C-alpha atoms as a PDB file:
ATOM      1  CA  SER A   1       0.001  -0.002   0.001  1.00  0.00           C
ATOM      2  CA  SER A   2       2.819   2.352   0.884  1.00  0.00           C
ATOM      3  CA  ASP A   3       4.585   1.447  -2.395  1.00  0.00           C
ATOM      4  CA  LEU A   4       1.445   2.299  -4.307  1.00  0.00           C
ATOM      5  CA  ASN A   5       1.197   5.609  -2.506  1.00  0.00           C
ATOM      6  CA  ASN A   6       4.857   6.385  -3.207  1.00  0.00           C
ATOM      7  CA  ARG A   7       4.429   5.521  -6.873  1.00  0.00           C
ATOM      8  CA  SER A   8       1.335   7.696  -7.056  1.00  0.00           C
ATOM      9  CA  VAL A   9       3.165  10.618  -5.499  1.00  0.00           C
ATOM     10  CA  MET A  10       6.131  10.066  -7.837  1.00  0.00           C
ATOM     11  CA  LYS A  11       3.866   9.991 -10.884  1.00  0.00           C
ATOM     12  CA  LYS A  12       2.176  13.230  -9.778  1.00  0.00           C
ATOM     13  CA  ASN A  13       5.575  14.862  -9.265  1.00  0.00           C
ATOM     14  CA  ILE A  14       6.783  13.729 -12.716  1.00  0.00           C
ATOM     15  CA  VAL A  15       3.595  15.002 -14.360  1.00  0.00           C
ATOM     16  CA  LEU A  16       3.941  18.299 -12.499  1.00  0.00           C
ATOM     17  CA  MET A  17       7.587  18.639 -13.589  1.00  0.00           C
ATOM     18  CA  ILE A  18       6.639  17.941 -17.203  1.00  0.00           C
ATOM     19  CA  VAL A  19       3.852  20.523 -17.077  1.00  0.00           C
ATOM     20  CA  LEU A  20       6.214  23.104 -15.566  1.00  0.00           C
ATOM     21  CA  VAL A  21       8.914  22.425 -18.189  1.00  0.00           C
ATOM     22  CA  LEU A  22       6.414  22.600 -21.069  1.00  0.00           C
ATOM     23  CA  SER A  23       4.919  25.813 -19.639  1.00  0.00           C
ATOM     24  CA  SER A  24       8.386  27.350 -19.371  1.00  0.00           C
ATOM     25  CA  VAL A  25       9.225  26.393 -22.958  1.00  0.00           C
ATOM     26  CA  ALA A  26       5.883  27.723 -24.188  1.00  0.00           C
ATOM     27  CA  MET A  27       6.411  31.023 -22.364  1.00  0.00           C
ATOM     28  CA  LYS A  28       9.887  31.431 -23.839  1.00  0.00           C
ATOM     29  CA  ALA A  29       8.590  30.647 -27.312  1.00  0.00           C
ATOM     30  CA  GLN A  30       5.798  33.146 -26.792  1.00  0.00           C
ATOM     31  CA  ASP A  31       8.301  35.809 -25.687  1.00  0.00           C
ATOM     32  CA  LYS A  32      10.379  35.261 -28.812  1.00  0.00           C
ATOM     33  CA  ALA A  33       7.311  35.573 -30.958  1.00  0.00           C
ATOM     34  CA  LYS A  34       5.987  38.559 -29.042  1.00  0.00           C
ATOM     35  CA  PRO A  35       4.173  40.825 -31.537  1.00  0.00           C
ATOM     36  CA  PHE A  36       5.030  44.080 -29.743  1.00  0.00           C
ATOM     37  CA  ASN A  37       7.018  45.660 -26.926  1.00  0.00           C
ATOM     38  CA  PHE A  38       5.378  47.822 -24.307  1.00  0.00           C
ATOM     39  CA  SER A  39       7.141  50.891 -22.880  1.00  0.00           C
ATOM     40  CA  PHE A  40       6.410  53.517 -20.238  1.00  0.00           C
ATOM     41  CA  ARG A  41       8.100  56.912 -20.614  1.00  0.00           C
ATOM     42  CA  MET A  42       8.273  60.273 -18.838  1.00  0.00           C
ATOM     43  CA  GLY A  43      10.334  63.433 -18.644  1.00  0.00           C
ATOM     44  CA  PRO A  44      10.359  67.210 -18.226  1.00  0.00           C
ATOM     45  CA  ASN A  45       9.739  69.503 -21.179  1.00  0.00           C
ATOM     46  CA  LEU A  46      10.419  73.097 -22.143  1.00  0.00           C
ATOM     47  CA  SER A  47       7.591  74.597 -24.201  1.00  0.00           C
ATOM     48  CA  TRP A  48       6.994  77.920 -25.950  1.00  0.00           C
ATOM     49  CA  PHE A  49       4.648  79.703 -28.377  1.00  0.00           C
ATOM     50  CA  LYS A  50       5.616  81.077 -31.784  1.00  0.00           C
ATOM     51  CA  SER A  51       3.563  83.806 -33.459  1.00  0.00           C
ATOM     52  CA  ASN A  52       3.476  84.720 -37.139  1.00  0.00           C
ATOM     53  CA  SER A  53       2.385  88.319 -36.460  1.00  0.00           C
ATOM     54  CA  ASP A  54       3.972  91.392 -34.897  1.00  0.00           C
ATOM     55  CA  ALA A  55       0.638  92.068 -33.165  1.00  0.00           C
ATOM     56  CA  VAL A  56       1.276  89.196 -30.744  1.00  0.00           C
ATOM     57  CA  ASN A  57       4.783  88.514 -29.445  1.00  0.00           C
ATOM     58  CA  SER A  58       6.261  85.335 -28.000  1.00  0.00           C
ATOM     59  CA  ASP A  59       7.362  86.007 -24.451  1.00  0.00           C
ATOM     60  CA  GLY A  60       9.492  83.100 -23.269  1.00  0.00           C
ATOM     61  CA  SER A  61       9.131  79.437 -22.374  1.00  0.00           C
ATOM     62  CA  ILE A  62       7.659  77.496 -19.482  1.00  0.00           C
ATOM     63  CA  LEU A  63       8.680  74.240 -17.815  1.00  0.00           C
ATOM     64  CA  GLY A  64       6.274  71.309 -18.070  1.00  0.00           C
ATOM     65  CA  PHE A  65       6.120  67.532 -17.909  1.00  0.00           C
ATOM     66  CA  SER A  66       5.174  64.625 -20.153  1.00  0.00           C
ATOM     67  CA  TRP A  67       4.436  60.950 -19.610  1.00  0.00           C
ATOM     68  CA  GLY A  68       2.951  58.169 -21.653  1.00  0.00           C
ATOM     69  CA  ALA A  69       2.723  54.528 -22.678  1.00  0.00           C
ATOM     70  CA  LEU A  70       3.708  53.255 -26.113  1.00  0.00           C
ATOM     71  CA  CYS A  71       3.651  49.995 -28.054  1.00  0.00           C
ATOM     72  CA  GLU A  72       6.420  49.167 -30.505  1.00  0.00           C
ATOM     73  CA  PHE A  73       5.499  46.903 -33.419  1.00  0.00           C
ATOM     74  CA  PRO A  74       8.565  45.445 -35.193  1.00  0.00           C
ATOM     75  CA  ILE A  75       8.572  45.541 -39.001  1.00  0.00           C
ATOM     76  CA  GLN A  76      12.112  44.283 -39.532  1.00  0.00           C
ATOM     77  CA  SER A  77      15.064  43.865 -37.184  1.00  0.00           C
ATOM     78  CA  ASN A  78      15.963  47.586 -37.368  1.00  0.00           C
ATOM     79  CA  TYR A  79      12.574  49.134 -38.109  1.00  0.00           C
ATOM     80  CA  SER A  80       9.370  49.395 -36.107  1.00  0.00           C
ATOM     81  CA  PHE A  81       6.176  51.407 -35.666  1.00  0.00           C
ATOM     82  CA  LEU A  82       5.409  53.241 -32.422  1.00  0.00           C
ATOM     83  CA  SER A  83       1.974  54.217 -31.202  1.00  0.00           C
ATOM     84  CA  GLY A  84       0.151  54.730 -27.919  1.00  0.00           C
ATOM     85  CA  PHE A  85      -0.600  57.845 -25.912  1.00  0.00           C
ATOM     86  CA  ASN A  86       1.174  60.751 -24.219  1.00  0.00           C
ATOM     87  CA  ILE A  87      -0.023  63.253 -21.642  1.00  0.00           C
ATOM     88  CA  HIS A  88       1.672  66.640 -22.089  1.00  0.00           C
ATOM     89  CA  PHE A  89       1.608  69.541 -19.636  1.00  0.00           C
ATOM     90  CA  ALA A  90       2.833  72.372 -21.851  1.00  0.00           C
ATOM     91  CA  GLY A  91       2.090  75.961 -22.834  1.00  0.00           C
ATOM     92  CA  GLY A  92       3.808  79.268 -23.444  1.00  0.00           C
ATOM     93  CA  LYS A  93       3.767  83.033 -23.009  1.00  0.00           C
ATOM     94  CA  VAL A  94       2.634  85.882 -25.249  1.00  0.00           C
ATOM     95  CA  ASN A  95       2.176  89.627 -24.891  1.00  0.00           C
ATOM     96  CA  TYR A  96       0.343  92.204 -26.959  1.00  0.00           C
ATOM     97  CA  ALA A  97      -1.178  95.682 -26.976  1.00  0.00           C
ATOM     98  CA  GLY A  98      -4.915  95.432 -26.361  1.00  0.00           C
ATOM     99  CA  THR A  99      -7.892  97.228 -24.886  1.00  0.00           C
ATOM    100  CA  LYS A 100      -9.817  96.772 -21.628  1.00  0.00           C
ATOM    101  CA  ASP A 101     -12.918  98.779 -20.738  1.00  0.00           C
ATOM    102  CA  GLY A 102     -12.121 101.121 -23.577  1.00  0.00           C
ATOM    103  CA  SER A 103      -8.591 101.867 -22.365  1.00  0.00           C
ATOM    104  CA  ALA A 104      -5.339 100.858 -24.061  1.00  0.00           C
ATOM    105  CA  VAL A 105      -3.416  98.253 -22.052  1.00  0.00           C
ATOM    106  CA  PHE A 106      -0.418  96.009 -22.533  1.00  0.00           C
ATOM    107  CA  VAL A 107      -1.314  92.379 -21.746  1.00  0.00           C
ATOM    108  CA  ASP A 108       1.010  89.542 -20.618  1.00  0.00           C
ATOM    109  CA  GLU A 109      -0.460  86.039 -20.865  1.00  0.00           C
ATOM    110  CA  ARG A 110       0.859  82.695 -19.651  1.00  0.00           C
ATOM    111  CA  TYR A 111      -1.012  79.619 -20.916  1.00  0.00           C
ATOM    112  CA  SER A 112      -0.848  76.180 -19.277  1.00  0.00           C
ATOM    113  CA  ILE A 113      -2.387  73.467 -21.448  1.00  0.00           C
ATOM    114  CA  LYS A 114      -2.868  69.751 -20.821  1.00  0.00           C
ATOM    115  CA  TYR A 115      -3.007  67.524 -23.922  1.00  0.00           C
ATOM    116  CA  LEU A 116      -3.757  63.883 -24.679  1.00  0.00           C
ATOM    117  CA  GLU A 117      -1.604  63.022 -27.687  1.00  0.00           C
ATOM    118  CA  LEU A 118      -1.913  59.999 -29.977  1.00  0.00           C
ATOM    119  CA  PRO A 119       1.429  59.585 -31.792  1.00  0.00           C
ATOM    120  CA  LEU A 120       2.253  57.468 -34.841  1.00  0.00           C
ATOM    121  CA  MET A 121       5.980  57.159 -35.504  1.00  0.00           C
ATOM    122  CA  LEU A 122       8.553  55.182 -37.447  1.00  0.00           C
ATOM    123  CA  LYS A 123      11.543  54.081 -35.357  1.00  0.00           C
ATOM    124  CA  ILE A 124      14.925  53.204 -36.876  1.00  0.00           C
ATOM    125  CA  LYS A 125      17.504  51.398 -34.711  1.00  0.00           C
ATOM    126  CA  THR A 126      21.171  50.488 -35.049  1.00  0.00           C
ATOM    127  CA  ASN A 127      22.370  46.977 -34.324  1.00  0.00           C
ATOM    128  CA  GLU A 128      22.880  46.238 -30.649  1.00  0.00           C
ATOM    129  CA  VAL A 129      26.511  46.158 -29.461  1.00  0.00           C
ATOM    130  CA  ASP A 130      27.258  45.139 -25.860  1.00  0.00           C
ATOM    131  CA  GLY A 131      23.612  45.703 -24.998  1.00  0.00           C
ATOM    132  CA  ILE A 132      23.579  49.284 -26.374  1.00  0.00           C
ATOM    133  CA  LEU A 133      21.865  50.586 -29.492  1.00  0.00           C
ATOM    134  CA  PHE A 134      20.935  54.041 -30.828  1.00  0.00           C
ATOM    135  CA  TYR A 135      17.682  55.033 -32.437  1.00  0.00           C
ATOM    136  CA  GLY A 136      15.896  57.806 -34.271  1.00  0.00           C
ATOM    137  CA  GLN A 137      12.166  58.249 -34.678  1.00  0.00           C
ATOM    138  CA  ILE A 138       9.912  60.498 -36.724  1.00  0.00           C
ATOM    139  CA  GLY A 139       6.166  60.775 -37.134  1.00  0.00           C
ATOM    140  CA  LEU A 140       3.007  62.757 -36.520  1.00  0.00           C
ATOM    141  CA  GLY A 141       1.056  63.490 -33.371  1.00  0.00           C
ATOM    142  CA  THR A 142      -2.606  64.380 -32.954  1.00  0.00           C
ATOM    143  CA  ALA A 143      -3.312  65.937 -29.561  1.00  0.00           C
ATOM    144  CA  PHE A 144      -6.609  66.780 -27.889  1.00  0.00           C
ATOM    145  CA  ARG A 145      -6.820  69.562 -25.318  1.00  0.00           C
ATOM    146  CA  LEU A 146      -8.009  68.257 -21.960  1.00  0.00           C
ATOM    147  CA  ASN A 147      -7.985  71.595 -20.172  1.00  0.00           C
ATOM    148  CA  SER A 148      -6.163  74.936 -20.178  1.00  0.00           C
ATOM    149  CA  ARG A 149      -5.728  78.019 -18.026  1.00  0.00           C
ATOM    150  CA  VAL A 150      -4.339  81.479 -18.635  1.00  0.00           C
ATOM    151  CA  LYS A 151      -2.744  83.904 -16.196  1.00  0.00           C
ATOM    152  CA  ARG A 152      -2.951  87.566 -17.300  1.00  0.00           C
ATOM    153  CA  SER A 153      -1.348  90.726 -16.029  1.00  0.00           C
ATOM    154  CA  PHE A 154      -2.085  94.222 -17.330  1.00  0.00           C
ATOM    155  CA  GLN A 155       0.143  97.258 -17.732  1.00  0.00           C
ATOM    156  CA  LEU A 156      -1.347 100.731 -18.153  1.00  0.00           C
ATOM    157  CA  PRO A 157       0.435 103.882 -19.359  1.00  0.00           C
ATOM    158  CA  ALA A 158       2.726 105.402 -16.732  1.00  0.00           C
ATOM    159  CA  SER A 159       0.420 108.418 -16.472  1.00  0.00           C
ATOM    160  CA  SER A 160      -2.520 106.232 -15.319  1.00  0.00           C
ATOM    161  CA  SER A 161      -3.223 105.663 -11.639  1.00  0.00           C
ATOM    162  CA  VAL A 162      -5.772 102.910 -12.269  1.00  0.00           C
ATOM    163  CA  TYR A 163      -4.947  99.405 -10.988  1.00  0.00           C
ATOM    164  CA  ILE A 164      -6.167  96.344 -12.927  1.00  0.00           C
ATOM    165  CA  ALA A 165      -6.087  93.057 -10.985  1.00  0.00           C
ATOM    166  CA  PRO A 166      -4.412  90.076 -12.699  1.00  0.00           C
ATOM    167  CA  GLU A 167      -6.529  87.159 -13.901  1.00  0.00           C
ATOM    168  CA  ASP A 168      -6.181  83.397 -13.549  1.00  0.00           C
ATOM    169  CA  VAL A 169      -9.052  81.798 -15.487  1.00  0.00           C
ATOM    170  CA  ASN A 170     -10.012  78.785 -17.570  1.00  0.00           C
ATOM    171  CA  SER A 171      -9.065  79.304 -21.227  1.00  0.00           C
ATOM    172  CA  ASP A 172     -10.699  76.350 -22.986  1.00  0.00           C
ATOM    173  CA  ASN A 173     -12.696  78.816 -25.078  1.00  0.00           C
ATOM    174  CA  LEU A 174      -9.479  80.505 -26.243  1.00  0.00           C
ATOM    175  CA  THR A 175      -7.408  77.421 -27.136  1.00  0.00           C
ATOM    176  CA  SER A 176      -7.953  75.012 -30.044  1.00  0.00           C
ATOM    177  CA  PHE A 177      -9.268  71.561 -29.162  1.00  0.00           C
ATOM    178  CA  ILE A 178      -6.966  69.742 -31.637  1.00  0.00           C
ATOM    179  CA  ARG A 179      -3.226  70.251 -32.106  1.00  0.00           C
ATOM    180  CA  GLU A 180      -1.281  68.590 -34.914  1.00  0.00           C
ATOM    181  CA  SER A 181       2.510  68.261 -34.737  1.00  0.00           C
ATOM    182  CA  LEU A 182       5.644  66.755 -36.247  1.00  0.00           C
ATOM    183  CA  LEU A 183       7.494  64.442 -33.856  1.00  0.00           C
ATOM    184  CA  ILE A 184      11.268  63.913 -34.019  1.00  0.00           C
ATOM    185  CA  GLY A 185      13.355  61.978 -31.492  1.00  0.00           C
ATOM    186  CA  LEU A 186      16.890  60.687 -30.936  1.00  0.00           C
ATOM    187  CA  GLY A 187      18.132  58.445 -28.171  1.00  0.00           C
ATOM    188  CA  ALA A 188      19.938  55.358 -26.914  1.00  0.00           C
ATOM    189  CA  GLN A 189      18.784  52.090 -25.379  1.00  0.00           C
ATOM    190  CA  TYR A 190      20.456  49.675 -22.985  1.00  0.00           C
ATOM    191  CA  SER A 191      19.315  46.065 -22.498  1.00  0.00           C
ATOM    192  CA  PHE A 192      19.429  44.750 -18.931  1.00  0.00           C
ATOM    193  CA  GLN A 193      17.954  41.496 -20.222  1.00  0.00           C
ATOM    194  CA  GLU A 194      15.964  40.314 -23.210  1.00  0.00           C
ATOM    195  CA  ASN A 195      12.656  41.769 -22.038  1.00  0.00           C
ATOM    196  CA  LEU A 196      13.824  44.734 -19.962  1.00  0.00           C
ATOM    197  CA  LYS A 197      15.422  47.763 -21.606  1.00  0.00           C
ATOM    198  CA  LEU A 198      16.213  51.292 -20.419  1.00  0.00           C
ATOM    199  CA  PHE A 199      16.086  54.120 -22.956  1.00  0.00           C
ATOM    200  CA  GLY A 200      16.678  57.854 -22.921  1.00  0.00           C
ATOM    201  CA  GLY A 201      16.954  60.744 -25.341  1.00  0.00           C
ATOM    202  CA  LEU A 202      15.448  63.999 -26.583  1.00  0.00           C
ATOM    203  CA  ASN A 203      12.163  64.562 -28.427  1.00  0.00           C
ATOM    204  CA  PHE A 204      11.203  67.659 -30.403  1.00  0.00           C
ATOM    205  CA  ASN A 205       7.467  68.271 -30.763  1.00  0.00           C
ATOM    206  CA  ASN A 206       6.874  70.870 -33.494  1.00  0.00           C
ATOM    207  CA  GLY A 207       3.291  72.064 -33.716  1.00  0.00           C
ATOM    208  CA  PHE A 208       1.963  73.354 -37.045  1.00  0.00           C
ATOM    209  CA  THR A 209      -1.682  74.196 -36.320  1.00  0.00           C
ATOM    210  CA  ASP A 210      -3.050  77.381 -34.771  1.00  0.00           C
ATOM    211  CA  ILE A 211      -3.738  76.865 -31.060  1.00  0.00           C
ATOM    212  CA  LEU A 212      -4.892  80.341 -29.880  1.00  0.00           C
ATOM    213  CA  LYS A 213      -8.170  82.057 -30.730  1.00  0.00           C
ATOM    214  CA  LYS A 214      -8.973  85.760 -30.555  1.00  0.00           C
ATOM    215  CA  GLY A 215      -8.981  86.845 -26.912  1.00  0.00           C
ATOM    216  CA  PRO A 216     -11.236  89.283 -25.038  1.00  0.00           C
ATOM    217  CA  TYR A 217      -8.566  92.005 -24.947  1.00  0.00           C
ATOM    218  CA  ASN A 218      -6.881  91.349 -28.288  1.00  0.00           C
ATOM    219  CA  THR A 219      -8.306  92.851 -31.466  1.00  0.00           C
ATOM    220  CA  ASN A 220      -6.025  90.679 -33.633  1.00  0.00           C
ATOM    221  CA  ASP A 221      -6.222  86.929 -34.346  1.00  0.00           C
ATOM    222  CA  PRO A 222      -2.740  85.830 -35.470  1.00  0.00           C
ATOM    223  CA  LYS A 223      -1.681  82.252 -35.970  1.00  0.00           C
ATOM    224  CA  VAL A 224       0.176  81.008 -32.889  1.00  0.00           C
ATOM    225  CA  ILE A 225       1.761  77.535 -32.794  1.00  0.00           C
ATOM    226  CA  SER A 226       3.284  75.680 -29.849  1.00  0.00           C
ATOM    227  CA  ASN A 227       6.574  73.801 -29.706  1.00  0.00           C
ATOM    228  CA  PHE A 228       8.376  71.927 -26.992  1.00  0.00           C
ATOM    229  CA  VAL A 229      11.507  69.883 -26.348  1.00  0.00           C
ATOM    230  CA  GLU A 230      11.288  67.038 -23.864  1.00  0.00           C
ATOM    231  CA  LEU A 231      13.675  64.687 -22.098  1.00  0.00           C
ATOM    232  CA  ASN A 232      12.490  61.155 -22.867  1.00  0.00           C
ATOM    233  CA  ILE A 233      13.317  58.475 -20.260  1.00  0.00           C
ATOM    234  CA  GLY A 234      11.609  55.096 -19.934  1.00  0.00           C
ATOM    235  CA  LEU A 235      11.544  51.321 -19.659  1.00  0.00           C
ATOM    236  CA  SER A 236      10.624  48.861 -22.383  1.00  0.00           C
ATOM    237  CA  PHE A 237       9.252  45.391 -21.573  1.00  0.00           C
END
């Protein structure tokens, strides 16, 4: 009876070992045939506005932040498509001569805009040497404004004694809902192991659609685009 029990236990152990080995082999085969790589990325950005009119002037850059999740779909060994989503906290500054309550004023505005971006990019990689490779990527991004705010300050002529309080208000009605851009990136990647890679580089996000509408104190409606440069750091699985 004890022999039968021992044999039964041994058979169960052998079957369990076979199942574990086959599962391990199947998982490795699945990893090798994995249709895409998933990556999580983040980094600070420096963003600014660019105007095509002397009526509205660019007035410096602001510091923001970006993060996102992307999927990389290999085409060949050195080429792949990238897509996913990014969340950008960006914006910029402008100033212009306007009117308020019938009086001439000089207006400074600082916009903070949050975007959801859906990128589509082509990625080109070098061959990996000692776990390190370099890459470049280029593509297009379509971003949707999630929310925006503007901080305004007003300057009156030196002869005026009137004080105008600054404003900090929602500006969704003054910013375009959709932003289109050209995406360019360069970077390097280091492989810790087959399915864990660290990458880092710089991305340039060059907008080419008008993002600002005519404001309440501005009589002009020039085309204003937004650009930003971001540090791109992340892990690929």
